[in-house]
Amino acid sequence: MNKVIRIGTRDSQLALWQAHTVEKQLESLGYKTQLVPVKATGDLKLDTPLYELGITGIFTKTLDVAMLNNSIDIAVHSMKDVPTALPKGIVQAAVLKRANTLDIIATKKAINYAKPCTIATGSLRRKAQWLHKFPHHTLVDLRGNVNTRLQKLKDNPWDGAIFAKAGLERIDVLPEGYTSLDWMTPAPAQGAMVVVALEKDLFCLEATQKLNDTPSQICTQIERDFLRTLEGGCTAPIGALAKISGDKIQFKGCLFSLDGSKKIEIERTVSIHSIAQAGEDIAKELLGAGGAILMKEIKINMNS
């Protein structure tokens, strides 16, 4: 265990919390670690274009490049932000025990949802589901890290903003004024943290595999397979949640039009022994039930 495992991290409070969590778990197992702050992608030398390496994730590409440049050994991500196709040479090493999967709405005062409201979110999935339930509301874009988005809610005359509860809980910034959106289907792998490493780095793969939580890995695999099969390279309003119950997995997935007016939902129970194809099979079933037509509409609308 002489090798020091370099954990790449961005400098947001949540990213640092995630990196420190993995750092503590690895060190408790006897491994030596080092946190490595990583600069923006543009500051890193890379001879091969990103698209040739399959690097696409807006939240993960900086750390992907650093890993391929051998500046870091592993990276920790909010799993819902990770593209379903990892870059060439990078593999999933571990899924940590999953936290809360719920979305919440943070508000400054009590809201009468029957009246016109302005709600902030940067997520197509949240926007579509909100408009499906509240078509008379106005949705505005909200970007930035958790702290930035909370501050924007304070600074703007919005009625509320939607967040993943897990992220707010992890860094202890869950506001008093919030409501759990238990009717909203979460993003695939929401609430889960994933560790990625180089495929050829057997030392780091063996070390980080010890952090893997099998139930979390199983459920997120099904959800991400469902997402990958539906998307076909296109970002869309897709929700998915798998839960283990005995030797069965309860799965719920949904696809919405961008404006929330159309919704296709599917619920299935599958054996825990048939997870390899479950997510893909359920997605294909949804595509056959009108999902393929809706995905074409989404691609046309996003490109127009």
Protein backbone atom coordinates (compact mmCIF):
# COMPACT_ATOMS: atom_id res chain seq x y z
CA MET A 1 0.00 0.00 0.00
CA ASN A 2 2.89 2.36 -0.68
CA LYS A 3 1.19 4.07 -3.60
CA VAL A 4 -0.58 7.34 -2.79
CA ILE A 5 -4.03 7.44 -4.42
CA ARG A 6 -4.54 10.93 -5.86
CA ILE A 7 -8.21 11.91 -5.62
CA GLY A 8 -9.15 14.56 -8.15
CA THR A 9 -11.74 17.12 -7.11
CA ARG A 10 -13.26 20.40 -8.22
CA ASP A 11 -13.41 23.15 -5.62
CA SER A 12 -17.15 23.39 -4.96
CA GLN A 13 -18.24 22.60 -1.41
CA LEU A 14 -20.18 19.52 -2.53
CA ALA A 15 -17.32 18.21 -4.71
CA LEU A 16 -14.91 18.60 -1.79
CA TRP A 17 -17.32 16.87 0.58
CA GLN A 18 -17.57 13.92 -1.80
CA ALA A 19 -13.79 13.72 -2.25
CA HIS A 20 -13.20 13.89 1.52
CA THR A 21 -15.76 11.13 2.06
CA VAL A 22 -13.85 8.78 -0.25
CA GLU A 23 -10.55 9.92 1.25
CA LYS A 24 -11.70 8.98 4.77
CA GLN A 25 -13.03 5.59 3.67
CA LEU A 26 -9.85 4.67 1.80
CA GLU A 27 -7.61 5.81 4.66
CA SER A 28 -9.68 3.78 7.13
CA LEU A 29 -8.74 0.75 5.02
CA GLY A 30 -5.04 1.63 5.27
CA TYR A 31 -4.52 3.37 1.93
CA LYS A 32 -2.60 6.61 1.52
CA THR A 33 -4.44 9.37 -0.31
CA GLN A 34 -3.96 12.92 -1.55
CA LEU A 35 -6.61 15.40 -2.65
CA VAL A 36 -5.71 17.11 -5.93
CA PRO A 37 -7.62 20.26 -6.94
CA VAL A 38 -8.09 20.21 -10.71
CA LYS A 39 -8.11 23.27 -12.96
CA ALA A 40 -10.66 23.91 -15.69
CA THR A 41 -10.40 21.70 -18.78
CA GLY A 42 -9.01 24.54 -20.90
CA ASP A 43 -5.96 24.80 -18.63
CA LEU A 44 -5.02 21.17 -19.13
CA LYS A 45 -2.84 20.02 -22.00
CA LEU A 46 -4.54 17.39 -24.14
CA ASP A 47 -3.32 16.36 -27.57
CA THR A 48 -6.37 14.30 -28.47
CA PRO A 49 -9.73 16.06 -29.00
CA LEU A 50 -12.25 15.40 -26.24
CA TYR A 51 -14.83 13.92 -28.60
CA GLU A 52 -12.34 11.26 -29.72
CA LEU A 53 -11.97 10.15 -26.11
CA GLY A 54 -15.73 10.09 -25.63
CA ILE A 55 -15.62 12.90 -23.08
CA THR A 56 -19.01 14.62 -22.96
CA GLY A 57 -20.14 15.35 -19.39
CA ILE A 58 -20.18 19.05 -18.59
CA PHE A 59 -19.68 18.36 -14.86
CA THR A 60 -17.13 15.57 -15.22
CA LYS A 61 -14.92 16.37 -18.21
CA THR A 62 -12.34 18.37 -16.22
CA LEU A 63 -11.58 15.37 -14.01
CA ASP A 64 -11.76 12.94 -16.96
CA VAL A 65 -9.03 14.89 -18.76
CA ALA A 66 -6.90 15.09 -15.61
CA MET A 67 -7.14 11.32 -15.15
CA LEU A 68 -6.20 10.58 -18.75
CA ASN A 69 -3.28 13.00 -18.36
CA ASN A 70 -2.15 11.04 -15.27
CA SER A 71 -2.58 14.08 -13.01
CA ILE A 72 -4.98 12.15 -10.74
CA ASP A 73 -5.73 8.47 -10.10
CA ILE A 74 -9.45 8.50 -9.26
CA ALA A 75 -12.36 10.94 -9.32
CA VAL A 76 -15.59 11.12 -7.34
CA HIS A 77 -18.83 12.35 -8.90
CA SER A 78 -22.50 12.78 -8.19
CA MET A 79 -23.54 9.79 -10.27
CA LYS A 80 -26.52 11.49 -11.88
CA ASP A 81 -24.10 13.96 -13.53
CA VAL A 82 -21.98 11.24 -15.14
CA PRO A 83 -22.67 10.39 -18.81
CA THR A 84 -23.83 6.78 -19.29
CA ALA A 85 -20.90 6.20 -21.65
CA LEU A 86 -17.60 6.79 -19.84
CA PRO A 87 -14.53 8.01 -21.77
CA LYS A 88 -12.21 5.45 -23.30
CA GLY A 89 -9.89 4.05 -20.66
CA ILE A 90 -12.00 5.15 -17.68
CA VAL A 91 -14.26 2.71 -15.81
CA GLN A 92 -16.70 2.72 -12.91
CA ALA A 93 -14.82 1.52 -9.85
CA ALA A 94 -17.38 1.80 -7.05
CA VAL A 95 -20.83 3.10 -6.17
CA LEU A 96 -21.02 4.30 -2.59
CA LYS A 97 -24.06 3.66 -0.40
CA ARG A 98 -26.87 5.72 -1.85
CA ALA A 99 -28.34 8.68 0.00
CA ASN A 100 -31.79 10.28 -0.33
CA THR A 101 -33.20 10.15 -3.87
CA LEU A 102 -35.86 12.85 -3.42
CA ASP A 103 -36.15 16.21 -5.14
CA ILE A 104 -37.25 19.10 -2.94
CA ILE A 105 -38.50 22.62 -3.57
CA ALA A 106 -36.91 25.35 -1.46
CA THR A 107 -39.15 28.37 -0.85
CA LYS A 108 -38.90 31.70 0.94
CA LYS A 109 -42.55 31.67 2.05
CA ALA A 110 -45.67 29.52 1.75
CA ILE A 111 -46.80 29.09 -1.86
CA ASN A 112 -50.29 28.85 -3.29
CA TYR A 113 -49.58 26.51 -6.19
CA ALA A 114 -53.04 27.12 -7.65
CA LYS A 115 -51.90 30.62 -8.60
CA PRO A 116 -49.25 31.55 -11.21
CA CYS A 117 -45.78 30.95 -9.77
CA THR A 118 -42.18 31.28 -10.93
CA ILE A 119 -40.05 28.22 -10.20
CA ALA A 120 -36.30 27.92 -10.89
CA THR A 121 -34.49 24.80 -12.12
CA GLY A 122 -31.75 24.00 -14.60
CA SER A 123 -33.03 20.44 -15.14
CA LEU A 124 -35.13 19.46 -18.16
CA ARG A 125 -36.52 16.55 -16.13
CA ARG A 126 -37.65 18.71 -13.23
CA LYS A 127 -39.04 21.39 -15.54
CA ALA A 128 -41.11 18.91 -17.55
CA GLN A 129 -42.50 17.14 -14.47
CA TRP A 130 -43.33 20.45 -12.80
CA LEU A 131 -45.13 21.78 -15.88
CA HIS A 132 -47.03 18.51 -16.22
CA LYS A 133 -48.43 19.07 -12.72
CA PHE A 134 -48.56 22.88 -12.82
CA PRO A 135 -48.91 23.99 -16.48
CA HIS A 136 -49.86 27.53 -15.40
CA HIS A 137 -46.46 28.13 -13.75
CA THR A 138 -43.40 29.81 -15.27
CA LEU A 139 -40.05 27.97 -15.12
CA VAL A 140 -36.76 29.89 -15.17
CA ASP A 141 -33.25 28.56 -15.67
CA LEU A 142 -31.03 28.03 -12.63
CA ARG A 143 -27.34 27.11 -12.93
CA GLY A 144 -24.29 26.93 -10.69
CA ASN A 145 -23.21 24.87 -7.70
CA VAL A 146 -25.54 24.25 -4.76
CA ASN A 147 -24.48 27.34 -2.82
CA THR A 148 -24.74 29.59 -5.87
CA ARG A 149 -28.23 28.34 -6.65
CA LEU A 150 -29.41 28.84 -3.07
CA GLN A 151 -28.07 32.40 -3.17
CA LYS A 152 -29.81 33.07 -6.49
CA LEU A 153 -33.09 31.95 -4.92
CA LYS A 154 -32.57 34.54 -2.15
CA ASP A 155 -31.62 37.28 -4.63
CA ASN A 156 -34.45 36.79 -7.13
CA PRO A 157 -38.23 37.24 -6.88
CA TRP A 158 -38.88 33.56 -7.57
CA ASP A 159 -41.40 31.53 -5.60
CA GLY A 160 -39.12 28.54 -5.27
CA ALA A 161 -36.23 26.50 -6.66
CA ILE A 162 -35.88 22.73 -7.05
CA PHE A 163 -32.88 20.79 -5.70
CA ALA A 164 -31.76 17.23 -5.06
CA LYS A 165 -32.18 16.75 -1.32
CA ALA A 166 -29.04 14.61 -0.99
CA GLY A 167 -26.70 17.39 -2.11
CA LEU A 168 -28.14 19.90 0.35
CA GLU A 169 -28.02 17.38 3.21
CA ARG A 170 -24.43 16.41 2.50
CA ILE A 171 -23.10 19.93 3.00
CA ASP A 172 -25.66 20.85 5.66
CA VAL A 173 -27.42 23.64 3.75
CA LEU A 174 -30.93 22.18 3.64
CA PRO A 175 -33.14 25.26 4.20
CA GLU A 176 -35.98 25.32 6.70
CA GLY A 177 -38.48 26.24 4.04
CA TYR A 178 -38.61 23.19 1.80
CA THR A 179 -41.12 20.60 0.66
CA SER A 180 -40.28 17.06 -0.47
CA LEU A 181 -41.49 16.36 -4.01
CA ASP A 182 -42.35 12.69 -3.53
CA TRP A 183 -44.48 12.78 -6.70
CA MET A 184 -41.46 13.67 -8.85
CA THR A 185 -39.47 10.77 -10.31
CA PRO A 186 -35.77 11.44 -9.65
CA ALA A 187 -32.94 11.46 -12.14
CA PRO A 188 -31.35 8.07 -12.78
CA ALA A 189 -28.74 7.46 -10.04
CA GLN A 190 -29.81 10.52 -8.03
CA GLY A 191 -28.42 10.42 -4.49
CA ALA A 192 -25.55 8.10 -5.45
CA MET A 193 -21.83 8.85 -5.59
CA VAL A 194 -19.56 7.03 -8.02
CA VAL A 195 -15.80 6.57 -8.08
CA VAL A 196 -14.12 6.24 -11.47
CA ALA A 197 -10.57 5.14 -12.25
CA LEU A 198 -8.36 4.20 -15.16
CA GLU A 199 -9.15 0.76 -16.56
CA LYS A 200 -5.45 -0.19 -16.44
CA ASP A 201 -4.90 0.96 -12.84
CA LEU A 202 -5.42 -2.34 -11.04
CA PHE A 203 -4.19 -0.98 -7.70
CA CYS A 204 -6.80 1.79 -7.54
CA LEU A 205 -9.53 -0.46 -8.89
CA GLU A 206 -8.87 -3.04 -6.18
CA ALA A 207 -8.76 -0.36 -3.47
CA THR A 208 -11.91 1.51 -4.49
CA GLN A 209 -13.90 -1.66 -5.13
CA LYS A 210 -13.84 -2.15 -1.36
CA LEU A 211 -16.06 0.96 -1.06
CA ASN A 212 -18.72 -0.46 -3.36
CA ASP A 213 -22.27 -0.87 -2.04
CA THR A 214 -23.84 -3.69 -4.05
CA PRO A 215 -27.54 -2.72 -3.64
CA SER A 216 -26.74 0.85 -4.75
CA GLN A 217 -24.71 -0.45 -7.67
CA ILE A 218 -27.53 -2.74 -8.82
CA CYS A 219 -30.24 -0.06 -8.69
CA THR A 220 -28.16 2.64 -10.36
CA GLN A 221 -27.08 0.23 -13.09
CA ILE A 222 -30.70 -0.49 -14.02
CA GLU A 223 -31.59 3.21 -13.95
CA ARG A 224 -28.60 4.20 -16.08
CA ASP A 225 -29.18 1.38 -18.57
CA PHE A 226 -32.76 2.64 -18.89
CA LEU A 227 -31.46 6.19 -19.47
CA ARG A 228 -28.80 5.14 -21.98
CA THR A 229 -31.25 3.10 -24.05
CA LEU A 230 -33.84 5.89 -24.14
CA GLU A 231 -31.50 8.81 -24.80
CA GLY A 232 -29.53 7.57 -27.74
CA GLY A 233 -27.19 10.51 -27.29
CA CYS A 234 -29.92 13.08 -26.69
CA THR A 235 -30.58 14.79 -23.38
CA ALA A 236 -34.25 14.43 -22.48
CA PRO A 237 -36.64 14.73 -19.52
CA ILE A 238 -36.18 11.21 -18.14
CA GLY A 239 -36.75 9.94 -14.61
CA ALA A 240 -35.99 6.51 -13.16
CA LEU A 241 -35.93 4.85 -9.76
CA ALA A 242 -35.20 1.24 -8.82
CA LYS A 243 -35.69 -0.18 -5.33
CA ILE A 244 -34.78 -3.63 -4.05
CA SER A 245 -37.49 -5.55 -2.21
CA GLY A 246 -36.36 -9.04 -1.22
CA ASP A 247 -35.29 -10.80 -4.41
CA LYS A 248 -37.27 -8.39 -6.59
CA ILE A 249 -36.59 -4.92 -7.92
CA GLN A 250 -39.40 -2.39 -8.18
CA PHE A 251 -38.73 -0.04 -11.09
CA LYS A 252 -40.44 3.16 -12.17
CA GLY A 253 -39.42 5.17 -15.21
CA CYS A 254 -40.85 8.08 -17.13
CA LEU A 255 -40.32 10.21 -20.22
CA PHE A 256 -41.85 13.66 -20.73
CA SER A 257 -42.08 16.14 -23.56
CA LEU A 258 -40.01 19.27 -22.99
CA ASP A 259 -43.09 21.32 -22.11
CA GLY A 260 -44.46 18.65 -19.80
CA SER A 261 -47.67 18.19 -21.77
CA LYS A 262 -46.89 14.58 -22.71
CA LYS A 263 -45.95 11.84 -20.28
CA ILE A 264 -45.13 8.17 -20.75
CA GLU A 265 -44.63 6.18 -17.56
CA ILE A 266 -43.75 2.57 -16.92
CA GLU A 267 -43.59 0.46 -13.74
CA ARG A 268 -42.20 -3.04 -13.64
CA THR A 269 -41.08 -5.67 -11.13
CA VAL A 270 -38.03 -7.69 -12.14
CA SER A 271 -35.98 -10.43 -10.53
CA ILE A 272 -32.75 -9.33 -8.91
CA HIS A 273 -31.12 -12.11 -10.95
CA SER A 274 -32.01 -10.51 -14.30
CA ILE A 275 -30.48 -7.07 -13.82
CA ALA A 276 -28.09 -7.31 -16.76
CA GLN A 277 -30.82 -6.59 -19.30
CA ALA A 278 -33.58 -5.16 -17.12
CA GLY A 279 -32.97 -1.44 -17.66
CA GLU A 280 -32.51 -1.82 -21.40
CA ASP A 281 -35.54 -4.10 -21.78
CA ILE A 282 -37.84 -1.74 -19.85
CA ALA A 283 -36.61 1.22 -21.90
CA LYS A 284 -37.28 -0.65 -25.15
CA GLU A 285 -40.79 -1.40 -23.91
CA LEU A 286 -41.35 2.30 -23.21
CA LEU A 287 -39.94 3.24 -26.63
CA GLY A 288 -42.41 0.86 -28.23
CA ALA A 289 -45.29 2.42 -26.28
CA GLY A 290 -44.84 5.85 -27.87
CA GLY A 291 -41.47 6.74 -26.41
CA ALA A 292 -39.64 6.55 -29.73
CA ILE A 293 -42.01 9.08 -31.29
CA LEU A 294 -41.70 11.37 -28.27
CA MET A 295 -37.88 11.14 -28.35
CA LYS A 296 -37.92 12.21 -32.02
CA GLU A 297 -40.06 15.21 -31.10
CA ILE A 298 -37.66 16.12 -28.28
CA LYS A 299 -34.62 15.97 -30.59
CA ILE A 300 -36.37 18.14 -33.17
CA ASN A 301 -37.42 20.70 -30.56
CA MET A 302 -33.96 20.86 -28.99
CA ASN A 303 -32.30 21.38 -32.36
CA SER A 304 -34.76 24.00 -33.59
